[in-house]
Amino acid sequence: MFSKFTRPASTLDKAIVASVTAMLAMNIFVLSQQLQAAPQVALSHSAASAQQA
């Protein structure tokens, strides 16, 4: 049934793998940026609300 897995990957297959890998890398990069920015955003909001009070 799945005996054709032994053939080498085509150019399209390699392009698909490269595209998915690039999208995953970009998502991980953006997520890490958001996680690093979250404490700074929280501190800036609490500082701004403390100044208004």
Protein backbone atom coordinates (compact mmCIF):
# COMPACT_ATOMS: atom_id res chain seq x y z
CA MET A 1 0.00 0.00 0.00
CA PHE A 2 2.72 2.49 1.00
CA SER A 3 5.57 0.88 -0.88
CA LYS A 4 6.53 4.02 -2.82
CA PHE A 5 8.18 5.78 0.13
CA THR A 6 11.59 4.60 -0.99
CA ARG A 7 11.75 6.95 -3.98
CA PRO A 8 13.87 10.10 -3.58
CA ALA A 9 12.18 13.38 -2.73
CA SER A 10 11.27 15.61 -5.65
CA THR A 11 12.07 19.31 -5.89
CA LEU A 12 8.49 20.11 -4.91
CA ASP A 13 8.76 17.91 -1.83
CA LYS A 14 11.94 19.69 -0.78
CA ALA A 15 10.31 23.09 -1.34
CA ILE A 16 7.33 22.09 0.81
CA VAL A 17 9.58 20.95 3.63
CA ALA A 18 11.62 24.16 3.40
CA SER A 19 8.45 26.29 3.45
CA VAL A 20 6.95 24.52 6.46
CA THR A 21 10.27 24.72 8.29
CA ALA A 22 10.53 28.45 7.59
CA MET A 23 6.97 29.05 8.82
CA LEU A 24 7.62 27.10 12.02
CA ALA A 25 10.85 29.01 12.63
CA MET A 26 9.09 32.34 12.12
CA ASN A 27 6.26 31.36 14.47
CA ILE A 28 8.72 30.32 17.19
CA PHE A 29 10.67 33.56 16.73
CA VAL A 30 7.55 35.73 17.00
CA LEU A 31 6.27 33.77 20.00
CA SER A 32 9.55 34.22 21.81
CA GLN A 33 9.46 37.95 21.08
CA GLN A 34 5.94 38.19 22.51
CA LEU A 35 6.88 36.25 25.63
CA GLN A 36 9.86 38.53 26.24
CA ALA A 37 7.74 41.65 25.70
CA ALA A 38 4.92 40.57 28.03
CA PRO A 39 6.65 41.46 31.33
CA GLN A 40 7.79 44.81 29.94
CA VAL A 41 4.27 45.65 28.77
CA ALA A 42 2.83 44.67 32.14
CA LEU A 43 5.37 46.84 33.96
CA SER A 44 4.71 49.83 31.71
CA HIS A 45 0.95 49.53 32.23
CA SER A 46 1.28 49.27 36.00
CA ALA A 47 3.67 52.23 36.08
CA ALA A 48 1.30 54.33 33.97
CA SER A 49 -1.67 53.49 36.17
CA ALA A 50 0.34 54.27 39.32
CA GLN A 51 1.20 57.71 37.97
CA GLN A 52 -2.45 58.43 37.17
CA ALA A 53 -3.64 57.53 40.66
